[in-house]
Structures are given as C-alpha cells and as structure tokens.
Amino acid sequence: MSNTRALLISLLVSVFAVILLFFYISSRENELLEMVTPIQVIVAAKDIPEGVRVDANSLELVEIPQKYVQPGAVSDMKRVINRNINVPALKGTQMLESMFIDT
C-alpha cells in the first residue's frame, strides 16, 4: 500500500512539473517571437553627407527584427524626404528623427 501511495505522489509531482515547464517554455517562446518580429524602417541606401537634402533615391525601406530597431527610427518615407540631414549617415544606417534639421 505504501508503494502505491509513493508512486501516486511522485506521479502527481511529475505532472505538476511538466505543466510548469510547459507554461515557462510557452511564455519564453512568446517573448522571443516578439523580439524577432520584423519592423519596417527607413535606412540610408547610400552614404549621405551632412547638410544634404535627402531624396527618395538616398533611402530605402527594409525589414529589421524589432530587437534591433533603434529608438526614434522612422518608418514613414514622407517624414524624411526633402529634409536636411544634420549628421552624416553611412549606407544601411537607420534614419532617426533626431538626425534631421527641423524646418
């Protein structure tokens, strides 16, 4: 009788551990998926020197995992076209709102 009781208790503890592990893995998976969700941002299509008025040929829209999107990154091309850039931007640099001169 005591062996049956010990077996039942160990079975219940193992089922509880499996359920906890399942919930932990599910929540961790959701966190990781949120980090790799692609976000569209505007990057420099070529090197852009300081003080130049940016046009559509200088920029391109690319998808970047959310984890790597810079704070203040611009995703709307209309917000940066025909504005002067106040810092040089190398090809592939994410365009940030703070990089442009307010007019």
PDB file of N, CA and C in Angstrom:
ATOM      1  N   MET A   1       0.813  -1.191   0.000  1.00  0.00           N
ATOM      2  CA  MET A   1       0.000   0.000   0.000  1.00  0.00           C
ATOM      3  C   MET A   1       0.854   1.252   0.000  1.00  0.00           C
ATOM      4  N   SER A   2       1.938   1.235   0.721  1.00  0.00           N
ATOM      5  CA  SER A   2       2.806   2.395   0.809  1.00  0.00           C
ATOM      6  C   SER A   2       3.520   2.665  -0.509  1.00  0.00           C
ATOM      7  N   ASN A   3       3.839   1.612  -1.266  1.00  0.00           N
ATOM      8  CA  ASN A   3       4.475   1.797  -2.575  1.00  0.00           C
ATOM      9  C   ASN A   3       3.507   2.444  -3.562  1.00  0.00           C
ATOM     10  N   THR A   4       2.262   2.086  -3.495  1.00  0.00           N
ATOM     11  CA  THR A   4       1.256   2.677  -4.368  1.00  0.00           C
ATOM     12  C   THR A   4       1.075   4.157  -4.055  1.00  0.00           C
ATOM     13  N   ARG A   5       1.085   4.471  -2.799  1.00  0.00           N
ATOM     14  CA  ARG A   5       0.934   5.878  -2.368  1.00  0.00           C
ATOM     15  C   ARG A   5       2.144   6.704  -2.821  1.00  0.00           C
ATOM     16  N   ALA A   6       3.344   6.177  -2.652  1.00  0.00           N
ATOM     17  CA  ALA A   6       4.553   6.881  -3.078  1.00  0.00           C
ATOM     18  C   ALA A   6       4.574   7.058  -4.593  1.00  0.00           C
ATOM     19  N   LEU A   7       4.142   6.047  -5.311  1.00  0.00           N
ATOM     20  CA  LEU A   7       4.077   6.124  -6.766  1.00  0.00           C
ATOM     21  C   LEU A   7       3.070   7.184  -7.206  1.00  0.00           C
ATOM     22  N   LEU A   8       1.934   7.235  -6.567  1.00  0.00           N
ATOM     23  CA  LEU A   8       0.919   8.230  -6.896  1.00  0.00           C
ATOM     24  C   LEU A   8       1.412   9.650  -6.610  1.00  0.00           C
ATOM     25  N   ILE A   9       2.061   9.856  -5.485  1.00  0.00           N
ATOM     26  CA  ILE A   9       2.589  11.192  -5.144  1.00  0.00           C
ATOM     27  C   ILE A   9       3.666  11.614  -6.147  1.00  0.00           C
ATOM     28  N   SER A  10       4.564  10.706  -6.487  1.00  0.00           N
ATOM     29  CA  SER A  10       5.617  11.051  -7.451  1.00  0.00           C
ATOM     30  C   SER A  10       5.033  11.323  -8.828  1.00  0.00           C
ATOM     31  N   LEU A  11       3.992  10.617  -9.200  1.00  0.00           N
ATOM     32  CA  LEU A  11       3.326  10.861 -10.477  1.00  0.00           C
ATOM     33  C   LEU A  11       2.675  12.240 -10.495  1.00  0.00           C
ATOM     34  N   LEU A  12       1.998  12.609  -9.431  1.00  0.00           N
ATOM     35  CA  LEU A  12       1.368  13.930  -9.342  1.00  0.00           C
ATOM     36  C   LEU A  12       2.404  15.056  -9.374  1.00  0.00           C
ATOM     37  N   VAL A  13       3.515  14.869  -8.674  1.00  0.00           N
ATOM     38  CA  VAL A  13       4.577  15.886  -8.675  1.00  0.00           C
ATOM     39  C   VAL A  13       5.181  16.019 -10.070  1.00  0.00           C
ATOM     40  N   SER A  14       5.378  14.906 -10.757  1.00  0.00           N
ATOM     41  CA  SER A  14       5.968  14.982 -12.098  1.00  0.00           C
ATOM     42  C   SER A  14       4.998  15.630 -13.089  1.00  0.00           C
ATOM     43  N   VAL A  15       3.709  15.362 -12.983  1.00  0.00           N
ATOM     44  CA  VAL A  15       2.719  16.014 -13.852  1.00  0.00           C
ATOM     45  C   VAL A  15       2.703  17.515 -13.585  1.00  0.00           C
ATOM     46  N   PHE A  16       2.764  17.905 -12.338  1.00  0.00           N
ATOM     47  CA  PHE A  16       2.801  19.322 -11.972  1.00  0.00           C
ATOM     48  C   PHE A  16       4.054  19.987 -12.548  1.00  0.00           C
ATOM     49  N   ALA A  17       5.202  19.292 -12.480  1.00  0.00           N
ATOM     50  CA  ALA A  17       6.453  19.835 -13.022  1.00  0.00           C
ATOM     51  C   ALA A  17       6.368  19.991 -14.541  1.00  0.00           C
ATOM     52  N   VAL A  18       5.770  19.053 -15.216  1.00  0.00           N
ATOM     53  CA  VAL A  18       5.612  19.135 -16.671  1.00  0.00           C
ATOM     54  C   VAL A  18       4.713  20.309 -17.043  1.00  0.00           C
ATOM     55  N   ILE A  19       3.644  20.509 -16.296  1.00  0.00           N
ATOM     56  CA  ILE A  19       2.744  21.638 -16.570  1.00  0.00           C
ATOM     57  C   ILE A  19       3.476  22.966 -16.371  1.00  0.00           C
ATOM     58  N   LEU A  20       4.233  23.097 -15.293  1.00  0.00           N
ATOM     59  CA  LEU A  20       5.009  24.324 -15.064  1.00  0.00           C
ATOM     60  C   LEU A  20       6.027  24.543 -16.174  1.00  0.00           C
ATOM     61  N   LEU A  21       6.691  23.486 -16.596  1.00  0.00           N
ATOM     62  CA  LEU A  21       7.678  23.594 -17.672  1.00  0.00           C
ATOM     63  C   LEU A  21       7.010  24.024 -18.975  1.00  0.00           C
ATOM     64  N   PHE A  22       5.845  23.489 -19.258  1.00  0.00           N
ATOM     65  CA  PHE A  22       5.113  23.875 -20.461  1.00  0.00           C
ATOM     66  C   PHE A  22       4.788  25.366 -20.450  1.00  0.00           C
ATOM     67  N   PHE A  23       4.279  25.885 -19.341  1.00  0.00           N
ATOM     68  CA  PHE A  23       3.943  27.305 -19.256  1.00  0.00           C
ATOM     69  C   PHE A  23       5.190  28.177 -19.368  1.00  0.00           C
ATOM     70  N   TYR A  24       6.291  27.758 -18.772  1.00  0.00           N
ATOM     71  CA  TYR A  24       7.533  28.524 -18.860  1.00  0.00           C
ATOM     72  C   TYR A  24       8.022  28.586 -20.302  1.00  0.00           C
ATOM     73  N   ILE A  25       8.034  27.451 -20.994  1.00  0.00           N
ATOM     74  CA  ILE A  25       8.505  27.416 -22.377  1.00  0.00           C
ATOM     75  C   ILE A  25       7.591  28.235 -23.278  1.00  0.00           C
ATOM     76  N   SER A  26       6.291  28.171 -23.058  1.00  0.00           N
ATOM     77  CA  SER A  26       5.349  28.960 -23.870  1.00  0.00           C
ATOM     78  C   SER A  26       5.574  30.453 -23.698  1.00  0.00           C
ATOM     79  N   SER A  27       5.751  30.902 -22.462  1.00  0.00           N
ATOM     80  CA  SER A  27       5.958  32.338 -22.242  1.00  0.00           C
ATOM     81  C   SER A  27       7.299  32.783 -22.819  1.00  0.00           C
ATOM     82  N   ARG A  28       8.315  31.964 -22.674  1.00  0.00           N
ATOM     83  CA  ARG A  28       9.645  32.311 -23.219  1.00  0.00           C
ATOM     84  C   ARG A  28       9.602  32.364 -24.742  1.00  0.00           C
ATOM     85  N   GLU A  29       8.870  31.437 -25.352  1.00  0.00           N
ATOM     86  CA  GLU A  29       8.734  31.416 -26.803  1.00  0.00           C
ATOM     87  C   GLU A  29       8.049  32.690 -27.295  1.00  0.00           C
ATOM     88  N   ASN A  30       7.002  33.122 -26.600  1.00  0.00           N
ATOM     89  CA  ASN A  30       6.308  34.360 -26.979  1.00  0.00           C
ATOM     90  C   ASN A  30       7.219  35.566 -26.871  1.00  0.00           C
ATOM     91  N   GLU A  31       8.040  35.635 -25.828  1.00  0.00           N
ATOM     92  CA  GLU A  31       8.987  36.743 -25.672  1.00  0.00           C
ATOM     93  C   GLU A  31       9.982  36.774 -26.825  1.00  0.00           C
ATOM     94  N   LEU A  32      10.496  35.617 -27.190  1.00  0.00           N
ATOM     95  CA  LEU A  32      11.471  35.545 -28.276  1.00  0.00           C
ATOM     96  C   LEU A  32      10.849  35.886 -29.617  1.00  0.00           C
ATOM     97  N   LEU A  33       9.623  35.464 -29.851  1.00  0.00           N
ATOM     98  CA  LEU A  33       8.951  35.796 -31.104  1.00  0.00           C
ATOM     99  C   LEU A  33       8.688  37.290 -31.227  1.00  0.00           C
ATOM    100  N   GLU A  34       8.379  37.949 -30.106  1.00  0.00           N
ATOM    101  CA  GLU A  34       8.166  39.389 -30.138  1.00  0.00           C
ATOM    102  C   GLU A  34       9.445  40.123 -30.511  1.00  0.00           C
ATOM    103  N   MET A  35      10.592  39.605 -30.075  1.00  0.00           N
ATOM    104  CA  MET A  35      11.865  40.267 -30.374  1.00  0.00           C
ATOM    105  C   MET A  35      12.249  40.145 -31.842  1.00  0.00           C
ATOM    106  N   VAL A  36      11.834  39.078 -32.511  1.00  0.00           N
ATOM    107  CA  VAL A  36      12.239  38.889 -33.899  1.00  0.00           C
ATOM    108  C   VAL A  36      11.161  39.294 -34.891  1.00  0.00           C
ATOM    109  N   THR A  37      10.069  39.853 -34.426  1.00  0.00           N
ATOM    110  CA  THR A  37       9.028  40.332 -35.325  1.00  0.00           C
ATOM    111  C   THR A  37       9.621  41.415 -36.220  1.00  0.00           C
ATOM    112  N   PRO A  38       9.525  41.255 -37.543  1.00  0.00           N
ATOM    113  CA  PRO A  38      10.121  42.260 -38.428  1.00  0.00           C
ATOM    114  C   PRO A  38       9.337  43.567 -38.417  1.00  0.00           C
ATOM    115  N   ILE A  39      10.076  44.666 -38.359  1.00  0.00           N
ATOM    116  CA  ILE A  39       9.520  46.018 -38.382  1.00  0.00           C
ATOM    117  C   ILE A  39      10.134  46.738 -39.587  1.00  0.00           C
ATOM    118  N   GLN A  40       9.325  47.471 -40.328  1.00  0.00           N
ATOM    119  CA  GLN A  40       9.848  48.223 -41.468  1.00  0.00           C
ATOM    120  C   GLN A  40      10.395  49.557 -40.986  1.00  0.00           C
ATOM    121  N   VAL A  41      11.642  49.838 -41.350  1.00  0.00           N
ATOM    122  CA  VAL A  41      12.270  51.120 -41.036  1.00  0.00           C
ATOM    123  C   VAL A  41      12.995  51.630 -42.273  1.00  0.00           C
ATOM    124  N   ILE A  42      13.256  52.911 -42.266  1.00  0.00           N
ATOM    125  CA  ILE A  42      13.966  53.532 -43.372  1.00  0.00           C
ATOM    126  C   ILE A  42      15.454  53.554 -43.041  1.00  0.00           C
ATOM    127  N   VAL A  43      16.272  53.124 -44.015  1.00  0.00           N
ATOM    128  CA  VAL A  43      17.728  53.159 -43.862  1.00  0.00           C
ATOM    129  C   VAL A  43      18.325  53.913 -45.037  1.00  0.00           C
ATOM    130  N   ALA A  44      19.560  54.339 -44.872  1.00  0.00           N
ATOM    131  CA  ALA A  44      20.263  55.025 -45.950  1.00  0.00           C
ATOM    132  C   ALA A  44      20.624  54.007 -47.028  1.00  0.00           C
ATOM    133  N   ALA A  45      20.258  54.292 -48.279  1.00  0.00           N
ATOM    134  CA  ALA A  45      20.574  53.408 -49.394  1.00  0.00           C
ATOM    135  C   ALA A  45      21.998  53.629 -49.877  1.00  0.00           C
ATOM    136  N   LYS A  46      22.568  54.775 -49.504  1.00  0.00           N
ATOM    137  CA  LYS A  46      23.955  55.101 -49.844  1.00  0.00           C
ATOM    138  C   LYS A  46      24.472  56.041 -48.768  1.00  0.00           C
ATOM    139  N   ASP A  47      25.762  56.311 -48.764  1.00  0.00           N
ATOM    140  CA  ASP A  47      26.326  57.255 -47.808  1.00  0.00           C
ATOM    141  C   ASP A  47      25.731  58.640 -48.053  1.00  0.00           C
ATOM    142  N   ILE A  48      25.288  59.281 -46.981  1.00  0.00           N
ATOM    143  CA  ILE A  48      24.675  60.611 -47.089  1.00  0.00           C
ATOM    144  C   ILE A  48      25.515  61.574 -46.259  1.00  0.00           C
ATOM    145  N   PRO A  49      26.122  62.581 -46.900  1.00  0.00           N
ATOM    146  CA  PRO A  49      26.924  63.547 -46.136  1.00  0.00           C
ATOM    147  C   PRO A  49      26.049  64.514 -45.336  1.00  0.00           C
ATOM    148  N   GLU A  50      26.644  65.138 -44.366  1.00  0.00           N
ATOM    149  CA  GLU A  50      25.946  66.102 -43.512  1.00  0.00           C
ATOM    150  C   GLU A  50      25.473  67.297 -44.322  1.00  0.00           C
ATOM    151  N   GLY A  51      24.282  67.798 -43.984  1.00  0.00           N
ATOM    152  CA  GLY A  51      23.751  69.009 -44.591  1.00  0.00           C
ATOM    153  C   GLY A  51      23.043  68.804 -45.916  1.00  0.00           C
ATOM    154  N   VAL A  52      22.965  67.593 -46.405  1.00  0.00           N
ATOM    155  CA  VAL A  52      22.349  67.314 -47.702  1.00  0.00           C
ATOM    156  C   VAL A  52      20.833  67.153 -47.539  1.00  0.00           C
ATOM    157  N   ARG A  53      20.105  67.628 -48.546  1.00  0.00           N
ATOM    158  CA  ARG A  53      18.657  67.415 -48.564  1.00  0.00           C
ATOM    159  C   ARG A  53      18.421  65.985 -49.059  1.00  0.00           C
ATOM    160  N   VAL A  54      17.705  65.212 -48.262  1.00  0.00           N
ATOM    161  CA  VAL A  54      17.503  63.788 -48.549  1.00  0.00           C
ATOM    162  C   VAL A  54      16.367  63.612 -49.553  1.00  0.00           C
ATOM    163  N   ASP A  55      16.610  62.752 -50.552  1.00  0.00           N
ATOM    164  CA  ASP A  55      15.563  62.432 -51.517  1.00  0.00           C
ATOM    165  C   ASP A  55      15.278  60.927 -51.481  1.00  0.00           C
ATOM    166  N   ALA A  56      14.307  60.490 -52.260  1.00  0.00           N
ATOM    167  CA  ALA A  56      13.874  59.083 -52.231  1.00  0.00           C
ATOM    168  C   ALA A  56      14.968  58.136 -52.706  1.00  0.00           C
ATOM    169  N   ASN A  57      15.878  58.607 -53.552  1.00  0.00           N
ATOM    170  CA  ASN A  57      16.960  57.752 -54.043  1.00  0.00           C
ATOM    171  C   ASN A  57      17.994  57.458 -52.965  1.00  0.00           C
ATOM    172  N   SER A  58      18.049  58.265 -51.934  1.00  0.00           N
ATOM    173  CA  SER A  58      19.028  58.094 -50.860  1.00  0.00           C
ATOM    174  C   SER A  58      18.555  57.132 -49.779  1.00  0.00           C
ATOM    175  N   LEU A  59      17.276  56.770 -49.833  1.00  0.00           N
ATOM    176  CA  LEU A  59      16.688  55.971 -48.760  1.00  0.00           C
ATOM    177  C   LEU A  59      16.060  54.699 -49.292  1.00  0.00           C
ATOM    178  N   GLU A  60      15.911  53.718 -48.396  1.00  0.00           N
ATOM    179  CA  GLU A  60      15.170  52.519 -48.739  1.00  0.00           C
ATOM    180  C   GLU A  60      14.465  51.990 -47.501  1.00  0.00           C
ATOM    181  N   LEU A  61      13.377  51.290 -47.719  1.00  0.00           N
ATOM    182  CA  LEU A  61      12.587  50.712 -46.639  1.00  0.00           C
ATOM    183  C   LEU A  61      12.988  49.250 -46.503  1.00  0.00           C
ATOM    184  N   VAL A  62      13.431  48.847 -45.307  1.00  0.00           N
ATOM    185  CA  VAL A  62      13.842  47.464 -45.061  1.00  0.00           C
ATOM    186  C   VAL A  62      13.152  46.938 -43.807  1.00  0.00           C
ATOM    187  N   GLU A  63      13.099  45.620 -43.699  1.00  0.00           N
ATOM    188  CA  GLU A  63      12.550  44.989 -42.501  1.00  0.00           C
ATOM    189  C   GLU A  63      13.696  44.571 -41.595  1.00  0.00           C
ATOM    190  N   ILE A  64      13.594  44.946 -40.326  1.00  0.00           N
ATOM    191  CA  ILE A  64      14.615  44.649 -39.324  1.00  0.00           C
ATOM    192  C   ILE A  64      13.907  44.018 -38.131  1.00  0.00           C
ATOM    193  N   PRO A  65      14.511  43.006 -37.498  1.00  0.00           N
ATOM    194  CA  PRO A  65      13.887  42.454 -36.295  1.00  0.00           C
ATOM    195  C   PRO A  65      13.684  43.542 -35.242  1.00  0.00           C
ATOM    196  N   GLN A  66      12.558  43.498 -34.575  1.00  0.00           N
ATOM    197  CA  GLN A  66      12.185  44.523 -33.596  1.00  0.00           C
ATOM    198  C   GLN A  66      13.286  44.757 -32.571  1.00  0.00           C
ATOM    199  N   LYS A  67      14.001  43.723 -32.226  1.00  0.00           N
ATOM    200  CA  LYS A  67      15.064  43.827 -31.227  1.00  0.00           C
ATOM    201  C   LYS A  67      16.149  44.825 -31.651  1.00  0.00           C
ATOM    202  N   TYR A  68      16.368  44.967 -32.958  1.00  0.00           N
ATOM    203  CA  TYR A  68      17.446  45.809 -33.460  1.00  0.00           C
ATOM    204  C   TYR A  68      16.990  47.170 -33.979  1.00  0.00           C
ATOM    205  N   VAL A  69      15.718  47.488 -33.874  1.00  0.00           N
ATOM    206  CA  VAL A  69      15.227  48.803 -34.315  1.00  0.00           C
ATOM    207  C   VAL A  69      15.636  49.836 -33.273  1.00  0.00           C
ATOM    208  N   GLN A  70      16.282  50.904 -33.740  1.00  0.00           N
ATOM    209  CA  GLN A  70      16.738  51.969 -32.855  1.00  0.00           C
ATOM    210  C   GLN A  70      15.558  52.808 -32.376  1.00  0.00           C
ATOM    211  N   PRO A  71      15.619  53.294 -31.135  1.00  0.00           N
ATOM    212  CA  PRO A  71      14.561  54.195 -30.662  1.00  0.00           C
ATOM    213  C   PRO A  71      14.535  55.458 -31.533  1.00  0.00           C
ATOM    214  N   GLY A  72      13.371  55.835 -31.975  1.00  0.00           N
ATOM    215  CA  GLY A  72      13.232  57.019 -32.815  1.00  0.00           C
ATOM    216  C   GLY A  72      13.410  56.732 -34.297  1.00  0.00           C
ATOM    217  N   ALA A  73      13.510  55.457 -34.677  1.00  0.00           N
ATOM    218  CA  ALA A  73      13.661  55.111 -36.090  1.00  0.00           C
ATOM    219  C   ALA A  73      12.394  55.504 -36.855  1.00  0.00           C
ATOM    220  N   VAL A  74      12.590  56.018 -38.052  1.00  0.00           N
ATOM    221  CA  VAL A  74      11.479  56.498 -38.873  1.00  0.00           C
ATOM    222  C   VAL A  74      11.028  55.373 -39.804  1.00  0.00           C
ATOM    223  N   SER A  75       9.723  55.191 -39.918  1.00  0.00           N
ATOM    224  CA  SER A  75       9.205  54.155 -40.809  1.00  0.00           C
ATOM    225  C   SER A  75       8.352  54.733 -41.937  1.00  0.00           C
ATOM    226  N   ASP A  76       8.150  56.047 -41.918  1.00  0.00           N
ATOM    227  CA  ASP A  76       7.348  56.706 -42.949  1.00  0.00           C
ATOM    228  C   ASP A  76       8.264  57.566 -43.814  1.00  0.00           C
ATOM    229  N   MET A  77       8.368  57.208 -45.071  1.00  0.00           N
ATOM    230  CA  MET A  77       9.264  57.894 -46.010  1.00  0.00           C
ATOM    231  C   MET A  77       8.920  59.381 -46.134  1.00  0.00           C
ATOM    232  N   LYS A  78       7.643  59.730 -46.022  1.00  0.00           N
ATOM    233  CA  LYS A  78       7.208  61.125 -46.177  1.00  0.00           C
ATOM    234  C   LYS A  78       7.786  62.031 -45.089  1.00  0.00           C
ATOM    235  N   ARG A  79       8.116  61.454 -43.939  1.00  0.00           N
ATOM    236  CA  ARG A  79       8.619  62.269 -42.821  1.00  0.00           C
ATOM    237  C   ARG A  79      10.049  62.746 -43.025  1.00  0.00           C
ATOM    238  N   VAL A  80      10.797  62.103 -43.938  1.00  0.00           N
ATOM    239  CA  VAL A  80      12.212  62.475 -44.089  1.00  0.00           C
ATOM    240  C   VAL A  80      12.582  62.997 -45.469  1.00  0.00           C
ATOM    241  N   ILE A  81      11.766  62.735 -46.464  1.00  0.00           N
ATOM    242  CA  ILE A  81      12.095  63.210 -47.812  1.00  0.00           C
ATOM    243  C   ILE A  81      12.023  64.731 -47.847  1.00  0.00           C
ATOM    244  N   ASN A  82      12.987  65.335 -48.523  1.00  0.00           N
ATOM    245  CA  ASN A  82      13.134  66.787 -48.680  1.00  0.00           C
ATOM    246  C   ASN A  82      13.472  67.499 -47.373  1.00  0.00           C
ATOM    247  N   ARG A  83      14.078  66.785 -46.433  1.00  0.00           N
ATOM    248  CA  ARG A  83      14.580  67.410 -45.208  1.00  0.00           C
ATOM    249  C   ARG A  83      16.097  67.317 -45.218  1.00  0.00           C
ATOM    250  N   ASN A  84      16.738  68.292 -44.591  1.00  0.00           N
ATOM    251  CA  ASN A  84      18.198  68.289 -44.499  1.00  0.00           C
ATOM    252  C   ASN A  84      18.644  67.438 -43.318  1.00  0.00           C
ATOM    253  N   ILE A  85      19.675  66.647 -43.550  1.00  0.00           N
ATOM    254  CA  ILE A  85      20.205  65.783 -42.506  1.00  0.00           C
ATOM    255  C   ILE A  85      21.335  66.528 -41.796  1.00  0.00           C
ATOM    256  N   ASN A  86      21.370  66.462 -40.461  1.00  0.00           N
ATOM    257  CA  ASN A  86      22.372  67.244 -39.731  1.00  0.00           C
ATOM    258  C   ASN A  86      23.574  66.418 -39.268  1.00  0.00           C
ATOM    259  N   VAL A  87      23.606  65.142 -39.632  1.00  0.00           N
ATOM    260  CA  VAL A  87      24.766  64.281 -39.343  1.00  0.00           C
ATOM    261  C   VAL A  87      25.001  63.396 -40.562  1.00  0.00           C
ATOM    262  N   PRO A  88      26.237  62.986 -40.800  1.00  0.00           N
ATOM    263  CA  PRO A  88      26.450  62.062 -41.916  1.00  0.00           C
ATOM    264  C   PRO A  88      25.861  60.686 -41.588  1.00  0.00           C
ATOM    265  N   ALA A  89      25.348  60.009 -42.615  1.00  0.00           N
ATOM    266  CA  ALA A  89      24.767  58.680 -42.430  1.00  0.00           C
ATOM    267  C   ALA A  89      25.406  57.716 -43.428  1.00  0.00           C
ATOM    268  N   LEU A  90      25.960  56.644 -42.919  1.00  0.00           N
ATOM    269  CA  LEU A  90      26.544  55.627 -43.780  1.00  0.00           C
ATOM    270  C   LEU A  90      25.452  54.730 -44.335  1.00  0.00           C
ATOM    271  N   LYS A  91      25.753  54.066 -45.441  1.00  0.00           N
ATOM    272  CA  LYS A  91      24.809  53.150 -46.066  1.00  0.00           C
ATOM    273  C   LYS A  91      24.355  52.113 -45.031  1.00  0.00           C
ATOM    274  N   GLY A  92      23.040  51.895 -44.942  1.00  0.00           N
ATOM    275  CA  GLY A  92      22.480  50.921 -44.015  1.00  0.00           C
ATOM    276  C   GLY A  92      22.112  51.481 -42.657  1.00  0.00           C
ATOM    277  N   THR A  93      22.449  52.751 -42.383  1.00  0.00           N
ATOM    278  CA  THR A  93      22.119  53.371 -41.103  1.00  0.00           C
ATOM    279  C   THR A  93      20.622  53.633 -41.015  1.00  0.00           C
ATOM    280  N   GLN A  94      20.031  53.283 -39.877  1.00  0.00           N
ATOM    281  CA  GLN A  94      18.615  53.569 -39.678  1.00  0.00           C
ATOM    282  C   GLN A  94      18.428  55.083 -39.551  1.00  0.00           C
ATOM    283  N   MET A  95      17.422  55.590 -40.217  1.00  0.00           N
ATOM    284  CA  MET A  95      17.131  57.012 -40.157  1.00  0.00           C
ATOM    285  C   MET A  95      16.323  57.305 -38.894  1.00  0.00           C
ATOM    286  N   LEU A  96      16.865  58.196 -38.073  1.00  0.00           N
ATOM    287  CA  LEU A  96      16.201  58.597 -36.840  1.00  0.00           C
ATOM    288  C   LEU A  96      15.666  60.005 -36.982  1.00  0.00           C
ATOM    289  N   GLU A  97      14.592  60.300 -36.309  1.00  0.00           N
ATOM    290  CA  GLU A  97      14.005  61.641 -36.362  1.00  0.00           C
ATOM    291  C   GLU A  97      15.011  62.694 -35.926  1.00  0.00           C
ATOM    292  N   SER A  98      15.857  62.362 -34.975  1.00  0.00           N
ATOM    293  CA  SER A  98      16.835  63.315 -34.434  1.00  0.00           C
ATOM    294  C   SER A  98      17.961  63.629 -35.416  1.00  0.00           C
ATOM    295  N   MET A  99      18.064  62.914 -36.511  1.00  0.00           N
ATOM    296  CA  MET A  99      19.131  63.148 -37.479  1.00  0.00           C
ATOM    297  C   MET A  99      18.812  64.297 -38.434  1.00  0.00           C
ATOM    298  N   PHE A 100      17.592  64.810 -38.377  1.00  0.00           N
ATOM    299  CA  PHE A 100      17.165  65.800 -39.356  1.00  0.00           C
ATOM    300  C   PHE A 100      16.978  67.171 -38.718  1.00  0.00           C
ATOM    301  N   ILE A 101      17.236  68.198 -39.513  1.00  0.00           N
ATOM    302  CA  ILE A 101      17.088  69.574 -39.072  1.00  0.00           C
ATOM    303  C   ILE A 101      15.611  69.940 -39.123  1.00  0.00           C
ATOM    304  N   ASP A 102      15.082  70.473 -38.030  1.00  0.00           N
ATOM    305  CA  ASP A 102      13.694  70.924 -38.011  1.00  0.00           C
ATOM    306  C   ASP A 102      13.577  72.182 -38.846  1.00  0.00           C
ATOM    307  N   THR A 103      12.555  72.221 -39.693  1.00  0.00           N
ATOM    308  CA  THR A 103      12.371  73.419 -40.526  1.00  0.00           C
ATOM    309  C   THR A 103      11.070  74.089 -40.207  1.00  0.00           C
TER     310      THR A 103
END
